[in-house]
Amino acid sequence: MSSDDDTSLSHSTTDLMSGVAVTFLLIAAIFMVQAFAARIREAESERKAQEQLALIQAQDQDARSFLNLLQEHFAKDDALRSVVEASYDAQVDPYLLTLTLNRERFLFASTQCDLSEDVNRAVRDGLRTAVKVVCSASDARNQLLSINLEGHTDVKPFFPRQAQCGAVPTRCVDAADPQCAAVGFENNVRLSGERAQRLFFVLRSTVGDDADLAQCLDRWFVVSGRGQVEATGSDEETRRRDRRVVLRIRVRAGAALVPTVSTADARRQ
């Protein structure tokens, strides 16, 4: 082969190697740019996630503070304490305040749902005030999720011979019989719901021209019956205490406060 051919081959090889080197450099540069862009996106995504978490945690704390302030208000006011007993335990449920209606003022005899004039008066003069406090509390519109007026019965199965308090008539007498036990349970749920409904209807009738109270009742109130599911005993005094109506004030949860895992941490795990 002539020297000219050798020179030409050498130049071609050099050009080829140079082209390959440039190509690899371009590929490396592209990967570097893509990796940098991915890190930027990852950092931005993590920043937004942290901002969202901070917002949720702030909302969560606001919800807890709202219930704490309500509980303190009910605890400090003698007139309100004569109407309801406030209970709030953030360890059990941080988004729930329970107001148990005074059992002396809102008394229901066993198997009965009729409201005496004393109970009607207690609704008009006491329960309305307690509900008004909740509905008009600062930031209530943003915090409230529901206000559940919830009826309860004692453990005694309800076996009416004729339609009564929403319950169905039955010939059952023995709660040990599985079918009768089911009927008694269902009728207790109906009885407790009827008690709560009757209290609510009296409460709703006291609205008058208070548009804010009417809107609160119509927007957030839920009326329900729990029957005997939370009854605590069978002696007469305990059964009397179990026959109760409670208000459960539930607020919007921010989020469960659990340790968070960043995008980078998640990738390493």
Protein backbone atom coordinates (compact mmCIF):
# COMPACT_ATOMS: atom_id res chain seq x y z
CA MET A 1 0.00 0.00 0.00
CA SER A 2 1.38 3.46 -0.85
CA SER A 3 2.20 6.06 1.72
CA ASP A 4 -0.67 8.19 0.42
CA ASP A 5 -3.10 5.36 1.13
CA ASP A 6 -1.69 4.95 4.63
CA THR A 7 -2.07 8.63 5.27
CA SER A 8 -5.65 8.62 4.00
CA LEU A 9 -6.52 5.61 6.20
CA SER A 10 -4.93 7.27 9.21
CA HIS A 11 -6.96 10.43 8.63
CA SER A 12 -10.17 8.41 8.23
CA THR A 13 -9.53 6.50 11.46
CA THR A 14 -8.79 9.74 13.29
CA ASP A 15 -11.93 11.34 11.94
CA LEU A 16 -13.97 8.28 12.94
CA MET A 17 -12.57 8.27 16.47
CA SER A 18 -13.15 11.98 16.78
CA GLY A 19 -16.74 11.55 15.62
CA VAL A 20 -17.30 8.73 18.13
CA ALA A 21 -15.78 10.81 20.91
CA VAL A 22 -17.99 13.77 20.04
CA THR A 23 -21.03 11.50 19.95
CA PHE A 24 -20.25 10.09 23.40
CA LEU A 25 -19.70 13.61 24.73
CA LEU A 26 -23.05 14.70 23.31
CA ILE A 27 -24.79 11.66 24.84
CA ALA A 28 -23.11 12.29 28.19
CA ALA A 29 -24.10 15.94 28.05
CA ILE A 30 -27.71 14.98 27.27
CA PHE A 31 -27.79 12.56 30.19
CA MET A 32 -26.30 15.17 32.48
CA VAL A 33 -28.88 17.74 31.40
CA GLN A 34 -31.69 15.24 31.83
CA ALA A 35 -30.40 14.18 35.25
CA PHE A 36 -30.10 17.80 36.33
CA ALA A 37 -33.62 18.53 35.09
CA ALA A 38 -34.92 15.46 36.94
CA ARG A 39 -33.28 16.65 40.17
CA ILE A 40 -34.83 20.07 39.67
CA ARG A 41 -38.28 18.51 39.17
CA GLU A 42 -37.75 16.23 42.17
CA ALA A 43 -36.72 19.14 44.38
CA GLU A 44 -39.71 21.19 43.21
CA SER A 45 -42.07 18.26 43.78
CA GLU A 46 -40.69 17.71 47.26
CA ARG A 47 -40.94 21.43 48.03
CA LYS A 48 -44.59 21.46 46.99
CA ALA A 49 -45.26 18.31 49.02
CA GLN A 50 -43.69 19.88 52.10
CA GLU A 51 -45.72 23.05 51.60
CA GLN A 52 -48.89 20.99 51.26
CA LEU A 53 -48.03 19.02 54.38
CA ALA A 54 -47.39 22.22 56.32
CA LEU A 55 -50.76 23.57 55.17
CA ILE A 56 -52.55 20.35 56.17
CA GLN A 57 -50.85 20.32 59.56
CA ALA A 58 -51.84 23.95 60.13
CA GLN A 59 -55.45 23.14 59.22
CA ASP A 60 -55.29 20.12 61.50
CA GLN A 61 -54.11 22.26 64.40
CA ASP A 62 -56.82 24.85 63.69
CA ALA A 63 -59.46 22.10 63.90
CA ARG A 64 -58.13 20.85 67.23
CA SER A 65 -57.93 24.38 68.61
CA PHE A 66 -61.52 25.04 67.54
CA LEU A 67 -62.76 22.05 69.57
CA ASN A 68 -60.52 22.89 72.53
CA LEU A 69 -61.93 26.41 72.68
CA LEU A 70 -65.49 25.11 72.45
CA GLN A 71 -64.87 22.60 75.23
CA GLU A 72 -63.38 25.31 77.46
CA HIS A 73 -66.33 27.61 76.74
CA PHE A 74 -68.84 24.96 77.81
CA ALA A 75 -66.78 24.04 80.86
CA LYS A 76 -66.55 27.62 82.15
CA ASP A 77 -70.19 28.63 81.63
CA ASP A 78 -72.45 27.54 84.52
CA ALA A 79 -75.64 27.95 82.48
CA LEU A 80 -74.27 25.80 79.66
CA ARG A 81 -73.00 23.16 82.09
CA SER A 82 -76.54 22.77 83.35
CA VAL A 83 -77.58 21.85 79.80
CA VAL A 84 -74.74 19.72 78.46
CA GLU A 85 -71.59 18.02 79.63
CA ALA A 86 -68.70 18.64 77.25
CA SER A 87 -66.13 15.93 76.60
CA TYR A 88 -63.10 16.20 74.33
CA ASP A 89 -60.20 13.74 74.23
CA ALA A 90 -57.71 14.35 71.43
CA GLN A 91 -56.08 10.99 72.11
CA VAL A 92 -59.33 9.15 71.33
CA ASP A 93 -60.60 11.32 68.48
CA PRO A 94 -58.97 14.72 67.86
CA TYR A 95 -61.80 15.86 65.60
CA LEU A 96 -64.80 15.14 67.83
CA LEU A 97 -66.38 17.04 70.72
CA THR A 98 -69.20 15.26 72.54
CA LEU A 99 -71.93 17.17 74.38
CA THR A 100 -74.09 14.90 76.52
CA LEU A 101 -77.48 16.41 77.27
CA ASN A 102 -78.21 16.74 80.99
CA ARG A 103 -80.01 13.53 81.90
CA GLU A 104 -82.17 15.23 84.52
CA ARG A 105 -83.43 17.93 82.20
CA PHE A 106 -83.77 15.67 79.14
CA LEU A 107 -85.24 12.63 80.85
CA PHE A 108 -86.76 9.68 78.98
CA ALA A 109 -88.56 6.91 80.81
CA SER A 110 -87.85 3.35 79.71
CA THR A 111 -89.43 2.56 76.29
CA GLN A 112 -90.83 6.12 76.06
CA CYS A 113 -90.15 8.85 73.52
CA ASP A 114 -92.77 11.49 74.37
CA LEU A 115 -91.41 14.88 75.40
CA SER A 116 -92.78 16.35 78.59
CA GLU A 117 -93.34 20.08 78.88
CA ASP A 118 -90.23 20.24 81.06
CA VAL A 119 -88.18 18.67 78.27
CA ASN A 120 -89.68 21.01 75.68
CA ARG A 121 -88.77 23.93 77.90
CA ALA A 122 -85.23 22.59 78.31
CA VAL A 123 -84.89 22.44 74.52
CA ARG A 124 -86.16 25.97 74.05
CA ASP A 125 -84.24 27.53 76.93
CA GLY A 126 -81.12 25.37 77.11
CA LEU A 127 -80.39 23.22 74.09
CA ARG A 128 -81.05 26.07 71.68
CA THR A 129 -78.45 28.18 73.51
CA ALA A 130 -75.88 25.37 73.45
CA VAL A 131 -76.38 24.78 69.74
CA LYS A 132 -76.22 28.49 69.07
CA VAL A 133 -72.82 28.63 70.77
CA VAL A 134 -71.51 25.95 68.41
CA CYS A 135 -73.05 27.44 65.29
CA SER A 136 -71.87 30.98 66.00
CA ALA A 137 -68.36 30.04 67.15
CA SER A 138 -65.53 31.81 65.38
CA ASP A 139 -64.56 29.97 62.17
CA ALA A 140 -67.46 27.51 62.54
CA ARG A 141 -68.27 27.76 58.83
CA ASN A 142 -64.77 26.56 57.92
CA GLN A 143 -64.35 23.97 60.67
CA LEU A 144 -67.68 22.21 61.12
CA LEU A 145 -68.30 18.98 59.26
CA SER A 146 -71.42 17.76 61.07
CA ILE A 147 -73.44 18.09 64.27
CA ASN A 148 -75.01 14.75 65.08
CA LEU A 149 -77.95 14.65 67.49
CA GLU A 150 -77.71 11.04 68.59
CA GLY A 151 -80.17 9.02 70.67
CA HIS A 152 -79.29 6.05 72.91
CA THR A 153 -81.25 3.42 74.84
CA ASP A 154 -80.45 1.08 77.69
CA VAL A 155 -79.78 -2.64 77.20
CA LYS A 156 -83.39 -3.72 77.75
CA PRO A 157 -84.88 -5.01 74.45
CA PHE A 158 -87.92 -3.06 73.26
CA PHE A 159 -90.90 -5.37 72.61
CA PRO A 160 -94.00 -3.16 72.15
CA ARG A 161 -97.34 -4.83 71.55
CA GLN A 162 -98.40 -2.00 69.25
CA ALA A 163 -96.60 0.54 67.08
CA GLN A 164 -94.81 2.93 69.41
CA CYS A 165 -91.96 5.42 69.03
CA GLY A 166 -91.15 4.18 65.53
CA ALA A 167 -90.81 0.58 66.73
CA VAL A 168 -92.69 -2.32 65.17
CA PRO A 169 -95.18 -4.40 67.19
CA THR A 170 -93.99 -7.83 68.26
CA ARG A 171 -95.08 -10.83 70.29
CA CYS A 172 -91.55 -11.38 71.53
CA VAL A 173 -90.94 -11.59 75.25
CA ASP A 174 -87.71 -13.58 75.53
CA ALA A 175 -84.55 -11.73 74.59
CA ALA A 176 -82.62 -15.01 74.71
CA ASP A 177 -84.34 -16.10 71.52
CA PRO A 178 -82.06 -15.01 68.64
CA GLN A 179 -84.93 -13.75 66.47
CA CYS A 180 -86.43 -11.81 69.36
CA ALA A 181 -83.02 -10.41 70.27
CA ALA A 182 -82.72 -9.06 66.72
CA VAL A 183 -86.19 -7.50 66.92
CA GLY A 184 -85.37 -5.93 70.29
CA PHE A 185 -82.13 -4.49 68.94
CA GLU A 186 -83.83 -3.02 65.86
CA ASN A 187 -86.61 -1.50 67.95
CA ASN A 188 -84.09 0.07 70.32
CA VAL A 189 -82.41 1.73 67.36
CA ARG A 190 -85.81 3.01 66.20
CA LEU A 191 -86.69 4.19 69.71
CA SER A 192 -83.42 6.07 70.17
CA GLY A 193 -83.75 7.66 66.74
CA GLU A 194 -87.32 8.75 67.52
CA ARG A 195 -86.19 10.45 70.73
CA ALA A 196 -83.48 12.36 68.88
CA GLN A 197 -85.87 13.34 66.08
CA ARG A 198 -88.47 14.71 68.46
CA LEU A 199 -85.86 16.81 70.25
CA PHE A 200 -84.60 18.08 66.90
CA PHE A 201 -88.06 19.07 65.68
CA VAL A 202 -88.66 21.08 68.86
CA LEU A 203 -85.24 22.66 68.46
CA ARG A 204 -85.96 23.49 64.82
CA SER A 205 -89.25 25.11 65.82
CA THR A 206 -87.38 27.62 68.01
CA VAL A 207 -85.46 29.14 65.11
CA GLY A 208 -87.90 31.99 64.53
CA ASP A 209 -86.24 34.72 62.46
CA ASP A 210 -82.72 33.59 63.33
CA ALA A 211 -81.57 32.83 59.78
CA ASP A 212 -78.04 31.88 60.87
CA LEU A 213 -79.31 29.27 63.31
CA ALA A 214 -81.73 27.88 60.73
CA GLN A 215 -78.93 27.59 58.19
CA CYS A 216 -76.71 25.86 60.74
CA LEU A 217 -79.38 23.29 61.60
CA ASP A 218 -80.21 22.61 57.99
CA ARG A 219 -76.60 22.45 56.82
CA TRP A 220 -74.80 20.49 59.51
CA PHE A 221 -77.31 18.58 61.61
CA VAL A 222 -77.66 14.82 61.40
CA VAL A 223 -80.24 13.00 63.54
CA SER A 224 -79.63 9.35 64.34
CA GLY A 225 -80.31 6.53 66.76
CA ARG A 226 -77.64 4.27 68.22
CA GLY A 227 -79.92 2.04 70.24
CA GLN A 228 -78.16 -0.03 72.88
CA VAL A 229 -74.75 -0.37 71.20
CA GLU A 230 -73.06 1.90 73.77
CA ALA A 231 -75.09 0.85 76.82
CA THR A 232 -72.91 0.11 79.81
CA GLY A 233 -74.95 -2.00 82.25
CA SER A 234 -78.23 -3.53 83.37
CA ASP A 235 -78.81 -2.14 86.87
CA GLU A 236 -81.51 0.50 87.11
CA GLU A 237 -79.22 3.49 87.69
CA THR A 238 -76.96 2.56 84.78
CA ARG A 239 -79.92 1.95 82.48
CA ARG A 240 -81.25 5.37 83.41
CA ARG A 241 -77.91 6.95 82.48
CA ASP A 242 -77.77 5.00 79.23
CA ARG A 243 -81.07 6.53 78.10
CA ARG A 244 -79.52 9.72 76.81
CA VAL A 245 -79.13 12.00 73.82
CA VAL A 246 -75.78 13.45 72.82
CA LEU A 247 -74.50 16.06 70.39
CA ARG A 248 -71.39 15.02 68.51
CA ILE A 249 -69.56 17.99 66.98
CA ARG A 250 -67.25 16.79 64.23
CA VAL A 251 -64.79 19.07 62.45
CA ARG A 252 -62.83 18.72 59.24
CA ALA A 253 -59.59 16.81 59.77
CA GLY A 254 -56.42 18.26 58.31
CA ALA A 255 -54.52 14.98 58.17
CA ALA A 256 -53.22 12.31 60.47
CA LEU A 257 -49.88 13.55 61.71
CA VAL A 258 -47.53 10.76 60.65
CA PRO A 259 -43.83 10.91 59.73
CA THR A 260 -43.43 11.79 56.08
CA VAL A 261 -41.03 10.21 53.59
CA SER A 262 -39.43 12.52 51.05
CA THR A 263 -39.13 11.59 47.38
CA ALA A 264 -35.39 11.05 47.77
CA ASP A 265 -35.84 8.92 50.89
CA ALA A 266 -38.51 6.83 49.16
CA ARG A 267 -36.14 6.17 46.27
CA ARG A 268 -33.41 4.96 48.65
CA GLN A 269 -35.73 2.57 50.51
